Amino acid sequence: MDRLWIGLGGLAGFGAVAMAAFVAHGLGDAVAIRIVSSGVQMQGWHALALFGVGLWAPRGGWLAHAAGAAFATGLILFCGAVYSVGVTGISWGVLAPAGGMLLMLGWLLLAASALRSR
């Protein structure tokens, strides 16, 4: 399971770089660039968080794995919804806030895993 978080972190990092390149070369609208750039930043930070979860999970236990699941799901919901608005103008309603809440929950779970660690 630990390798899963590292693998997902690598994929998320790749996606952040790819989306950053798309923003730099494919979008002309300043508002869209700002919106998508926000998603890229969150994706990049949480790619690193997933990598960290993969390294920490053997000591952090189930709380660390729950943090990884929250990060991964939150990334899909938050960044997917942000990219949709920025690139196509289509809003997915509550998906971005729900994803953002999962990302925050992931950080709390990661902190709890550190405090509870043996």
C-alpha atoms as a PDB file:
ATOM      1  CA  MET A   1       0.000   0.000   0.000  1.00  0.00           C
ATOM      2  CA  ASP A   2       2.911   2.359   0.733  1.00  0.00           C
ATOM      3  CA  ARG A   3       4.078   2.077  -2.867  1.00  0.00           C
ATOM      4  CA  LEU A   4       0.583   3.057  -4.027  1.00  0.00           C
ATOM      5  CA  TRP A   5       0.863   6.476  -2.365  1.00  0.00           C
ATOM      6  CA  ILE A   6       4.318   7.070  -3.848  1.00  0.00           C
ATOM      7  CA  GLY A   7       3.069   5.975  -7.281  1.00  0.00           C
ATOM      8  CA  LEU A   8       0.011   8.225  -7.069  1.00  0.00           C
ATOM      9  CA  GLY A   9       2.254  11.071  -5.911  1.00  0.00           C
ATOM     10  CA  GLY A  10       4.439  10.555  -8.975  1.00  0.00           C
ATOM     11  CA  LEU A  11       1.406  10.548 -11.277  1.00  0.00           C
ATOM     12  CA  ALA A  12       0.012  13.652  -9.606  1.00  0.00           C
ATOM     13  CA  GLY A  13       3.379  15.393  -9.954  1.00  0.00           C
ATOM     14  CA  PHE A  14       3.537  14.454 -13.620  1.00  0.00           C
ATOM     15  CA  GLY A  15       0.006  15.782 -14.105  1.00  0.00           C
ATOM     16  CA  ALA A  16       0.871  19.056 -12.381  1.00  0.00           C
ATOM     17  CA  VAL A  17       3.866  19.619 -14.659  1.00  0.00           C
ATOM     18  CA  ALA A  18       1.828  18.685 -17.748  1.00  0.00           C
ATOM     19  CA  MET A  19      -1.001  21.028 -16.770  1.00  0.00           C
ATOM     20  CA  ALA A  20       1.489  23.825 -16.031  1.00  0.00           C
ATOM     21  CA  ALA A  21       2.912  23.382 -19.536  1.00  0.00           C
ATOM     22  CA  PHE A  22      -0.596  23.473 -20.985  1.00  0.00           C
ATOM     23  CA  VAL A  23      -1.329  26.694 -19.094  1.00  0.00           C
ATOM     24  CA  ALA A  24       1.916  28.276 -20.261  1.00  0.00           C
ATOM     25  CA  HIS A  25       1.408  27.374 -23.914  1.00  0.00           C
ATOM     26  CA  GLY A  26      -2.275  26.671 -24.459  1.00  0.00           C
ATOM     27  CA  LEU A  27      -4.416  29.145 -22.556  1.00  0.00           C
ATOM     28  CA  GLY A  28      -4.640  32.767 -23.625  1.00  0.00           C
ATOM     29  CA  ASP A  29      -7.256  34.058 -21.201  1.00  0.00           C
ATOM     30  CA  ALA A  30      -5.680  35.632 -18.091  1.00  0.00           C
ATOM     31  CA  VAL A  31      -8.580  34.596 -15.841  1.00  0.00           C
ATOM     32  CA  ALA A  32      -8.397  30.978 -17.033  1.00  0.00           C
ATOM     33  CA  ILE A  33      -4.631  30.954 -16.506  1.00  0.00           C
ATOM     34  CA  ARG A  34      -5.058  32.163 -12.917  1.00  0.00           C
ATOM     35  CA  ILE A  35      -7.763  29.572 -12.196  1.00  0.00           C
ATOM     36  CA  VAL A  36      -5.800  26.646 -13.646  1.00  0.00           C
ATOM     37  CA  SER A  37      -2.572  27.826 -12.014  1.00  0.00           C
ATOM     38  CA  SER A  38      -4.286  27.558  -8.635  1.00  0.00           C
ATOM     39  CA  GLY A  39      -5.156  23.933  -9.389  1.00  0.00           C
ATOM     40  CA  VAL A  40      -1.609  23.231 -10.567  1.00  0.00           C
ATOM     41  CA  GLN A  41      -0.188  24.623  -7.341  1.00  0.00           C
ATOM     42  CA  MET A  42      -2.497  22.508  -5.181  1.00  0.00           C
ATOM     43  CA  GLN A  43      -1.779  19.431  -7.275  1.00  0.00           C
ATOM     44  CA  GLY A  44       1.973  19.915  -6.975  1.00  0.00           C
ATOM     45  CA  TRP A  45       1.898  20.333  -3.204  1.00  0.00           C
ATOM     46  CA  HIS A  46      -0.360  17.347  -2.709  1.00  0.00           C
ATOM     47  CA  ALA A  47       1.736  15.203  -5.048  1.00  0.00           C
ATOM     48  CA  LEU A  48       4.541  15.779  -2.548  1.00  0.00           C
ATOM     49  CA  ALA A  49       2.150  15.032   0.313  1.00  0.00           C
ATOM     50  CA  LEU A  50       1.273  11.657  -1.262  1.00  0.00           C
ATOM     51  CA  PHE A  51       4.962  10.889  -1.639  1.00  0.00           C
ATOM     52  CA  GLY A  52       5.466  11.730   2.035  1.00  0.00           C
ATOM     53  CA  VAL A  53       2.532   9.545   3.045  1.00  0.00           C
ATOM     54  CA  GLY A  54       4.108   6.646   1.173  1.00  0.00           C
ATOM     55  CA  LEU A  55       7.316   7.093   3.135  1.00  0.00           C
ATOM     56  CA  TRP A  56       5.547   7.622   6.471  1.00  0.00           C
ATOM     57  CA  ALA A  57       2.791   4.981   6.191  1.00  0.00           C
ATOM     58  CA  PRO A  58       4.827   2.055   7.583  1.00  0.00           C
ATOM     59  CA  ARG A  59       5.113   3.972  10.889  1.00  0.00           C
ATOM     60  CA  GLY A  60       1.915   6.015  10.663  1.00  0.00           C
ATOM     61  CA  GLY A  61      -0.490   3.091  10.327  1.00  0.00           C
ATOM     62  CA  TRP A  62      -4.084   3.296   9.252  1.00  0.00           C
ATOM     63  CA  LEU A  63      -4.314   7.045   9.873  1.00  0.00           C
ATOM     64  CA  ALA A  64      -1.510   7.637   7.375  1.00  0.00           C
ATOM     65  CA  HIS A  65      -3.271   5.434   4.827  1.00  0.00           C
ATOM     66  CA  ALA A  66      -6.506   7.345   5.454  1.00  0.00           C
ATOM     67  CA  ALA A  67      -4.565  10.575   4.840  1.00  0.00           C
ATOM     68  CA  GLY A  68      -3.318   9.180   1.528  1.00  0.00           C
ATOM     69  CA  ALA A  69      -6.852   8.249   0.495  1.00  0.00           C
ATOM     70  CA  ALA A  70      -8.112  11.719   1.439  1.00  0.00           C
ATOM     71  CA  PHE A  71      -5.284  13.385  -0.505  1.00  0.00           C
ATOM     72  CA  ALA A  72      -5.830  11.243  -3.609  1.00  0.00           C
ATOM     73  CA  THR A  73      -9.609  11.673  -3.651  1.00  0.00           C
ATOM     74  CA  GLY A  74      -9.355  15.361  -2.800  1.00  0.00           C
ATOM     75  CA  LEU A  75      -6.898  15.930  -5.647  1.00  0.00           C
ATOM     76  CA  ILE A  76      -9.225  14.342  -8.171  1.00  0.00           C
ATOM     77  CA  LEU A  77     -12.262  16.288  -6.993  1.00  0.00           C
ATOM     78  CA  PHE A  78     -10.639  19.661  -6.320  1.00  0.00           C
ATOM     79  CA  CYS A  79      -8.186  19.858  -9.207  1.00  0.00           C
ATOM     80  CA  GLY A  80     -10.585  18.232 -11.643  1.00  0.00           C
ATOM     81  CA  ALA A  81     -13.285  20.774 -10.842  1.00  0.00           C
ATOM     82  CA  VAL A  82     -10.843  23.709 -10.951  1.00  0.00           C
ATOM     83  CA  TYR A  83      -9.391  22.566 -14.283  1.00  0.00           C
ATOM     84  CA  SER A  84     -12.882  22.114 -15.693  1.00  0.00           C
ATOM     85  CA  VAL A  85     -13.832  25.707 -14.843  1.00  0.00           C
ATOM     86  CA  GLY A  86     -10.532  27.125 -16.085  1.00  0.00           C
ATOM     87  CA  VAL A  87     -10.326  25.204 -19.350  1.00  0.00           C
ATOM     88  CA  THR A  88     -13.963  24.703 -20.377  1.00  0.00           C
ATOM     89  CA  GLY A  89     -15.901  27.145 -18.202  1.00  0.00           C
ATOM     90  CA  ILE A  90     -18.005  24.248 -16.865  1.00  0.00           C
ATOM     91  CA  SER A  91     -18.569  24.250 -13.103  1.00  0.00           C
ATOM     92  CA  TRP A  92     -19.084  20.988 -11.218  1.00  0.00           C
ATOM     93  CA  GLY A  93     -20.796  22.663  -8.274  1.00  0.00           C
ATOM     94  CA  VAL A  94     -19.734  21.312  -4.903  1.00  0.00           C
ATOM     95  CA  LEU A  95     -16.925  19.055  -6.164  1.00  0.00           C
ATOM     96  CA  ALA A  96     -14.179  21.649  -5.667  1.00  0.00           C
ATOM     97  CA  PRO A  97     -15.208  22.502  -2.086  1.00  0.00           C
ATOM     98  CA  ALA A  98     -15.666  18.804  -1.259  1.00  0.00           C
ATOM     99  CA  GLY A  99     -12.225  18.069  -2.681  1.00  0.00           C
ATOM    100  CA  GLY A 100     -10.727  20.955  -0.728  1.00  0.00           C
ATOM    101  CA  MET A 101     -12.265  19.628   2.479  1.00  0.00           C
ATOM    102  CA  LEU A 102     -10.763  16.197   1.765  1.00  0.00           C
ATOM    103  CA  LEU A 103      -7.346  17.773   1.225  1.00  0.00           C
ATOM    104  CA  MET A 104      -7.615  19.538   4.578  1.00  0.00           C
ATOM    105  CA  LEU A 105      -8.816  16.312   6.216  1.00  0.00           C
ATOM    106  CA  GLY A 106      -5.785  14.558   4.763  1.00  0.00           C
ATOM    107  CA  TRP A 107      -3.480  16.987   6.565  1.00  0.00           C
ATOM    108  CA  LEU A 108      -5.324  16.468   9.842  1.00  0.00           C
ATOM    109  CA  LEU A 109      -5.142  12.689   9.434  1.00  0.00           C
ATOM    110  CA  LEU A 110      -1.431  12.911   8.650  1.00  0.00           C
ATOM    111  CA  ALA A 111      -0.867  14.999  11.776  1.00  0.00           C
ATOM    112  CA  ALA A 112      -2.907  12.556  13.859  1.00  0.00           C
ATOM    113  CA  SER A 113      -0.860   9.660  12.513  1.00  0.00           C
ATOM    114  CA  ALA A 114       2.325  11.394  13.664  1.00  0.00           C
ATOM    115  CA  LEU A 115       0.927  12.099  17.128  1.00  0.00           C
ATOM    116  CA  ARG A 116      -0.337   8.533  17.495  1.00  0.00           C
ATOM    117  CA  SER A 117       2.789   6.878  16.098  1.00  0.00           C
ATOM    118  CA  ARG A 118       4.633   4.397  18.273  1.00  0.00           C
END
